[in-house]
Protein backbone atom coordinates (compact mmCIF):
# COMPACT_ATOMS: atom_id res chain seq x y z
CA MET A 1 274.12 49.11 79.05
CA LYS A 2 271.20 46.97 80.71
CA ILE A 3 267.66 48.51 81.59
CA ASN A 4 265.67 47.50 84.57
CA PHE A 5 261.93 48.28 82.90
CA GLU A 6 261.02 47.57 86.85
CA ASP A 7 262.97 51.28 87.96
CA VAL A 8 260.62 52.66 85.38
CA MET A 9 256.82 53.29 86.15
CA THR A 10 253.72 55.65 84.93
CA THR A 11 252.63 58.41 87.54
CA GLN A 12 249.57 56.04 87.54
CA GLU A 13 252.35 52.84 88.69
CA ALA A 14 254.05 55.61 91.05
CA SER A 15 250.68 56.65 92.58
CA GLU A 16 249.77 53.03 93.46
CA ARG A 17 253.56 51.59 94.62
CA TYR A 18 254.25 55.09 96.55
CA HIS A 19 250.70 55.84 97.91
CA ARG A 20 250.27 59.20 96.59
CA THR A 21 248.13 60.43 93.82
CA ALA A 22 249.13 60.54 90.52
CA HIS A 23 248.54 64.67 90.64
CA THR A 24 251.13 64.89 92.82
CA ILE A 25 253.40 63.03 90.85
CA LYS A 26 252.89 64.77 87.79
CA GLN A 27 253.11 68.05 89.92
CA ALA A 28 256.48 67.03 91.20
CA CYS A 29 257.73 66.70 87.48
CA ASP A 30 256.15 70.26 86.17
CA SER A 31 257.68 71.70 89.20
CA GLY A 32 261.42 70.37 88.78
CA ARG A 33 261.55 68.36 92.15
CA LEU A 34 261.93 65.11 90.11
CA THR A 35 264.49 66.09 87.72
CA GLY A 36 265.11 65.42 84.01
CA GLU A 37 266.92 62.22 84.81
CA GLU A 38 264.28 60.93 87.03
CA CYS A 39 261.06 61.84 84.79
CA ARG A 40 260.27 62.46 81.37
CA LYS A 41 257.17 63.16 78.99
CA SER A 42 256.80 60.12 76.47
CA GLY A 43 253.56 60.59 74.46
CA GLY A 44 251.56 62.75 77.12
CA VAL A 45 252.83 59.76 79.69
CA TRP A 46 254.99 60.70 82.38
CA LEU A 47 257.92 58.21 83.26
CA ILE A 48 259.04 58.26 86.34
CA THR A 49 261.82 56.33 87.81
CA ARG A 50 262.11 54.03 91.08
CA GLU A 51 265.29 56.75 92.24
CA GLY A 52 263.56 59.93 92.06
CA MET A 53 260.43 58.30 93.96
CA GLU A 54 262.68 56.79 96.68
CA ARG A 55 264.27 60.07 96.93
CA LEU A 56 261.19 62.28 97.17
CA TYR A 57 258.97 59.41 99.06
CA GLY A 58 261.21 57.40 100.33
CA LYS A 59 260.97 53.38 100.13
CA GLU A 60 258.33 51.94 97.77
CA GLN A 61 255.77 50.67 100.38
CA PRO A 62 254.17 46.61 100.27
CA LYS A 63 250.70 46.99 99.21
CA GLN A 64 248.44 46.45 102.15
CA ALA A 65 245.29 44.33 101.93
CA TYR A 66 241.87 45.77 103.91
CA TYR A 67 238.87 43.80 104.84
CA PHE A 68 235.65 44.84 105.85
CA ALA A 69 233.02 43.77 107.95
CA GLU A 70 228.90 44.78 109.03
CA LEU A 71 227.89 44.20 112.45
CA GLN A 72 224.27 44.57 112.83
CA ASN A 73 224.80 44.01 116.40
CA ALA A 74 226.85 42.11 119.22
CA GLY A 75 226.07 38.76 118.14
CA SER A 76 225.13 39.30 114.11
CA TYR A 77 228.14 39.88 111.49
CA ARG A 78 228.27 39.98 108.11
CA GLN A 79 231.50 37.64 107.24
CA ALA A 80 234.49 39.84 105.97
CA GLU A 81 235.02 40.43 102.34
CA LYS A 82 238.39 41.65 101.17
CA LEU A 83 238.06 45.39 99.54
CA LYS A 84 240.04 46.57 96.54
CA ALA A 85 241.51 49.49 98.03
CA THR A 86 245.61 50.15 98.68
CA SER A 87 244.95 52.59 101.43
CA LEU A 88 242.96 52.93 104.31
CA ARG A 89 241.58 56.02 103.24
CA ALA A 90 239.89 54.37 99.66
CA ALA A 91 239.15 51.52 102.32
CA LYS A 92 236.60 53.93 104.25
CA ARG A 93 234.83 54.79 101.32
CA GLU A 94 234.48 51.59 99.28
CA ALA A 95 233.15 49.96 102.92
CA SER A 96 231.27 52.95 102.85
CA MET A 97 229.93 52.29 99.87
CA ARG A 98 229.17 48.39 100.20
CA GLN A 99 227.36 48.83 103.26
CA VAL A 100 223.99 46.90 102.94
CA PHE A 101 221.82 47.30 106.09
CA GLN A 102 221.21 50.69 107.98
CA GLY A 103 221.74 50.86 111.75
CA THR A 104 224.99 48.71 111.28
CA THR A 105 228.65 49.33 112.43
CA LEU A 106 231.60 49.10 109.63
CA GLU A 107 234.78 47.28 110.63
CA ILE A 108 237.70 47.62 108.66
CA GLY A 109 240.94 45.64 109.44
CA ASN A 110 244.42 44.30 107.41
CA SER A 111 244.03 40.50 108.26
CA VAL A 112 241.05 37.92 108.79
CA ASN A 113 240.99 34.68 110.47
CA GLU A 114 239.40 31.19 109.17
CA ASP A 115 236.14 32.14 110.53
CA GLY A 116 235.64 35.51 108.45
CA PHE A 117 236.26 37.31 111.61
CA ILE A 118 238.38 40.81 111.32
CA LEU A 119 241.45 40.21 113.31
CA ASN A 120 243.03 43.84 114.85
CA PRO A 121 240.63 46.52 113.55
CA VAL A 122 242.10 49.43 112.51
CA ALA A 123 238.71 51.52 111.76
CA ARG A 124 235.63 51.50 112.94
CA LYS A 125 232.05 53.46 111.71
CA GLU A 126 229.25 53.37 113.61
CA ASP A 127 225.77 54.39 112.34
CA GLY A 128 225.64 58.36 111.48
CA LYS A 129 228.92 59.19 112.88
CA THR A 130 232.42 59.34 111.36
CA TRP A 131 234.94 57.30 110.75
CA GLU A 132 237.42 56.42 113.80
CA THR A 133 240.86 55.04 113.11
CA ILE A 134 241.88 52.72 115.92
């Protein structure tokens, strides 16, 4: 019997690959939503199969890159930077923490052009307001 280790993952790895929290995945194991053939505890670490994750949450989602830029006014911008976040929620949090100037607008997108401008922004936050999904 040949084992493909790509099909077995920890809750943290499953969290990153299927965009769920590790806590949610642990609860699925504890509650029996993931069966004994789909997950098991090994030395205090939950191990989950790809088949179990796909049955509960669907196909694995590819990692999404997020970039943010800080706009001071219409003619002034800070070149877009890549964020470490893999979800839009985490990208908003990280961009907010990396804001340099007060009174600026933050913008998040999935791609940038060669000049460092965000192409097709997905979220924007004006000073003093909450994030707006575009």
